[in-house]
């Protein structure tokens, strides 16, 4: 698989992740506290892919590295919010567990990419 092919596959994967995060967050019960969690989760969960897309369209190697590191940080932050939601037992554990698995896998992928730069 070429780097371009991998990049396309990973972009699609991050889009699927963002959509799953948005669907999950919109299913959370409404309260002042949950709205904070929902907003933070939606921001970080969609930012993973947005920054990866920007990395693939970067103007320099330095810009690429920066965007990859932001994607890595956003994946980590997304897992953080999911862990809080899981600990508080706010909503469906099956979907939550799948999202946590995907967040950790994306984190591992972006960590690996960042370490090779």
Protein backbone atom coordinates (compact mmCIF):
# COMPACT_ATOMS: atom_id res chain seq x y z
CA UNK A 1 0.00 0.00 0.00
CA UNK A 2 1.37 3.41 -0.93
CA UNK A 3 1.39 6.40 1.40
CA UNK A 4 -1.34 8.04 -0.69
CA UNK A 5 -3.56 4.96 -0.47
CA UNK A 6 -2.99 4.76 3.28
CA UNK A 7 -3.78 8.46 3.65
CA UNK A 8 -7.11 8.07 1.80
CA UNK A 9 -8.09 5.07 3.93
CA UNK A 10 -7.16 6.88 7.14
CA UNK A 11 -9.04 10.02 6.07
CA UNK A 12 -12.18 7.94 5.49
CA UNK A 13 -11.68 6.21 8.82
CA UNK A 14 -11.43 9.53 10.66
CA UNK A 15 -14.59 10.76 8.92
CA UNK A 16 -16.45 7.62 10.05
CA UNK A 17 -15.10 8.21 13.56
CA UNK A 18 -16.26 11.84 13.58
CA UNK A 19 -19.76 10.84 12.43
CA UNK A 20 -19.94 8.10 15.08
CA UNK A 21 -18.84 10.59 17.75
CA UNK A 22 -21.48 13.11 16.66
CA UNK A 23 -24.23 10.47 16.64
CA UNK A 24 -23.12 9.20 20.05
CA UNK A 25 -22.88 12.65 21.61
CA UNK A 26 -26.30 13.66 20.28
CA UNK A 27 -27.79 10.57 21.94
CA UNK A 28 -26.58 11.60 25.39
CA UNK A 29 -29.25 12.76 27.84
CA UNK A 30 -29.46 16.50 28.22
CA UNK A 31 -28.21 18.23 31.37
CA UNK A 32 -25.84 21.11 32.04
CA UNK A 33 -22.98 18.71 32.80
CA UNK A 34 -23.71 16.40 29.89
CA UNK A 35 -23.86 19.35 27.51
CA UNK A 36 -20.29 20.27 28.51
CA UNK A 37 -19.15 16.68 27.90
CA UNK A 38 -21.10 16.48 24.63
CA UNK A 39 -19.57 19.69 23.29
CA UNK A 40 -16.02 18.76 24.28
CA UNK A 41 -16.41 15.27 22.82
CA UNK A 42 -17.85 16.60 19.56
CA UNK A 43 -15.05 19.16 19.19
CA UNK A 44 -12.17 16.79 19.83
CA UNK A 45 -13.72 13.83 18.01
CA UNK A 46 -14.24 15.79 14.80
CA UNK A 47 -10.91 17.58 15.08
CA UNK A 48 -8.93 14.33 14.71
CA UNK A 49 -9.91 13.96 11.06
CA UNK A 50 -10.03 17.66 10.27
CA UNK A 51 -6.40 18.06 11.29
CA UNK A 52 -5.38 14.88 9.50
CA UNK A 53 -6.97 16.18 6.31
CA UNK A 54 -5.06 19.44 6.78
CA UNK A 55 -1.84 17.46 7.31
CA UNK A 56 -2.36 15.74 3.96
CA UNK A 57 -2.68 19.14 2.32
CA UNK A 58 0.17 20.77 4.24
CA UNK A 59 2.59 23.20 2.65
CA UNK A 60 5.74 21.91 4.32
CA UNK A 61 7.08 18.94 6.27
CA UNK A 62 7.00 21.08 9.42
CA UNK A 63 3.32 21.88 8.85
CA UNK A 64 2.60 18.17 8.25
CA UNK A 65 4.31 17.22 11.51
CA UNK A 66 2.40 19.88 13.43
CA UNK A 67 -0.99 18.73 12.09
CA UNK A 68 -0.21 15.07 12.80
CA UNK A 69 0.69 15.96 16.38
CA UNK A 70 -2.58 17.88 16.72
CA UNK A 71 -4.50 14.86 15.41
CA UNK A 72 -2.68 12.71 17.97
CA UNK A 73 -3.57 15.11 20.79
CA UNK A 74 -7.22 15.30 19.69
CA UNK A 75 -7.49 11.50 19.60
CA UNK A 76 -6.11 11.38 23.13
CA UNK A 77 -8.50 14.09 24.30
CA UNK A 78 -11.44 12.28 22.70
CA UNK A 79 -10.58 9.11 24.62
CA UNK A 80 -10.34 11.23 27.79
CA UNK A 81 -13.90 12.52 27.37
CA UNK A 82 -15.15 9.04 26.52
CA UNK A 83 -13.51 7.69 29.67
CA UNK A 84 -15.28 10.31 31.77
CA UNK A 85 -18.62 9.46 30.15
CA UNK A 86 -17.97 5.77 30.73
CA UNK A 87 -17.00 6.33 34.38
CA UNK A 88 -20.15 8.39 35.00
CA UNK A 89 -22.28 5.72 33.26
CA UNK A 90 -24.12 8.39 31.30
CA UNK A 91 -25.09 6.34 28.26
CA UNK A 92 -24.86 3.13 26.17
CA UNK A 93 -21.73 1.16 27.07
CA UNK A 94 -21.59 -0.92 23.86
CA UNK A 95 -21.28 2.09 21.55
CA UNK A 96 -19.02 3.80 24.05
CA UNK A 97 -16.63 0.85 24.23
CA UNK A 98 -16.42 0.68 20.41
CA UNK A 99 -15.64 4.41 20.27
CA UNK A 100 -12.95 4.03 22.91
CA UNK A 101 -11.35 1.19 20.95
CA UNK A 102 -11.34 3.30 17.78
CA UNK A 103 -9.99 6.37 19.62
CA UNK A 104 -7.13 4.28 21.03
CA UNK A 105 -6.39 2.77 17.61
CA UNK A 106 -6.32 6.22 15.99
CA UNK A 107 -4.08 7.43 18.82
CA UNK A 108 -1.70 4.53 18.15
CA UNK A 109 -1.67 5.24 14.41
CA UNK A 110 -0.95 8.96 14.85
CA UNK A 111 1.69 8.19 17.49
CA UNK A 112 3.39 5.84 15.05
CA UNK A 113 3.26 8.42 12.25
CA UNK A 114 4.61 11.16 14.55
CA UNK A 115 7.45 8.95 15.78
CA UNK A 116 8.57 8.30 12.20
CA UNK A 117 8.78 11.99 11.31
